[in-house]
Amino acid sequence: MSRRPVSRTMLLSLFAALITLILTGPLSGLVLNGYDFTTRFAAPLQIAAMVLILRFIAGLLPASWLAPKQKHEVEPRAPRFKTYQLVLGGLVLYLALASLVLFASKYWLAVGIMALIYVLLGLGLNVVVGFAGLLDLGFVGFYAVGAYGYALGHQYLGLGFWAAIPLAALLAGMFGMILGFPVLRMHGDYLAIVTLGFGEIIRLVLNNWMAFTGGPNGVDAPAPTFFGWEFKANVTQGGVPFHEVWGLEYSSGMLDAFIFLVLLAVVGLTLYAVSRLRGMPIGRAWEALREDEIACRSLGLNHVWTKLSAFAMGASIGGVAGVFFAASQGFVSPISFSFFESALVLAIVVLGGLGSVYGVILAALFLTLMPEVLREFADYRILIFGFAMVLIMIWRPRGIIQQRRPFFKRAGS
């Protein structure tokens, strides 16, 4: 176990502290007061000192502790559980998570809904980026298609919540295939630029088509109903109030609780479907395309339909997430579908681990729940959030749950 020289460790620690001071000084060391500002460098100096100490301690530790050798290949083995066992386990887990609605406040229900929406978005983008290796920076466009599909479908066609879910998935999947055709021969940075442009085109169309989408003013989205039951104090869609039917006291969190329960079930079904797709021929084709497209084509795989299926599947999941976003917010506008959303979803996929289904779920929960947990530290919340992301990428560069590839042993080895 080798250790770095103390002098070199101290030099690197001082350099890290200096960089921290340069980055945090303008953010937390300058306090605006009208047209003037005052300096407050105590906080940046404290942060820099903390970085200095932590970096020095880390430098004294054996290098093998910080970068342990990991096996990226695993021997294939038979499934541990049968299908009925997985179904029963999923039902028990769903009931355990569903019981949270009995204790959670309206605020935490809303946070939970957004966390599950980002889980859906992460699963969708993971199909495109993680499985097929197609860098997509315009994924927010499919998210917007699903949200506006529900809101505009209700406004012009009287479309309900339950009908909007499959229709939004089909509509977003169609947009995914439309995007896939022009980029069949593109790779890497060029593919990223084209998909980025696609996401911005959708946002600009929604923002400027005033007569149809309402432009910057947005459009209202109806609250979901269930068998004619409405989860509001006063009915607005010709149904009956849920709390009156069951003799309950009305609570403003009923609608959020209902959306949370439905969304939790949809996330579970999506997780199961994506996991099964990965082991099917189409999932193997996606992974072959990601590893080497030339070898994939030489083996006779149709790279055109493989790419289009990945775009369509990922876009469909994003469209479903858009429906739940519109239903939970009750209103959609173009400002909700900026490039920042695409970058956040891509960060979820990268932090979770490219191709790792469960890693994406953990990363989505981390990136959505951590800012809310740190809300009491309002002045340093984003700073702590950024440090946490940097640390994850340093010690887990392949994601929280790294994807390991199976291999086959030779006979007798």
Foldseek 3Di string as FASTA:
>chain_A
DDADDLVVLLVVLLVQLVVQLVVCQVQPQWADDPPDIDGDCPVSNVVSVVSSVVSSVVRGDDPCVLAPDDAQADADDDDPDDPVVVVVVVVVVLVVVLCVLVPDDLVVLLLLLQLLLLLLLLLLVLLQCQQQNQAALQLLLLLQQLQLQQQLCCVPPVDALVNSLQVSLQVLLVVLLVLLVVCLPPGDPVRHVSNNVVNVVSLVCLQPVCVRQVHQVFGFGEAHADPQEDLDPDDDPPGHHPCVVVVHDRDPNRSSSVLSSVSSVVSVVSLVVSVVCCPDPLSVLSNVNNVPVVVSVVVPDDSSVSNSVSSSRSSSSSSSSSSSVSNVVRTDGSVVRDSVSSVQSVLLCQQLARNDSVSSSVSSCCVSVQLVVCVVVVSCSVVVVVVVSVVSCSSPVRHPDYNHHYDHDDPPD
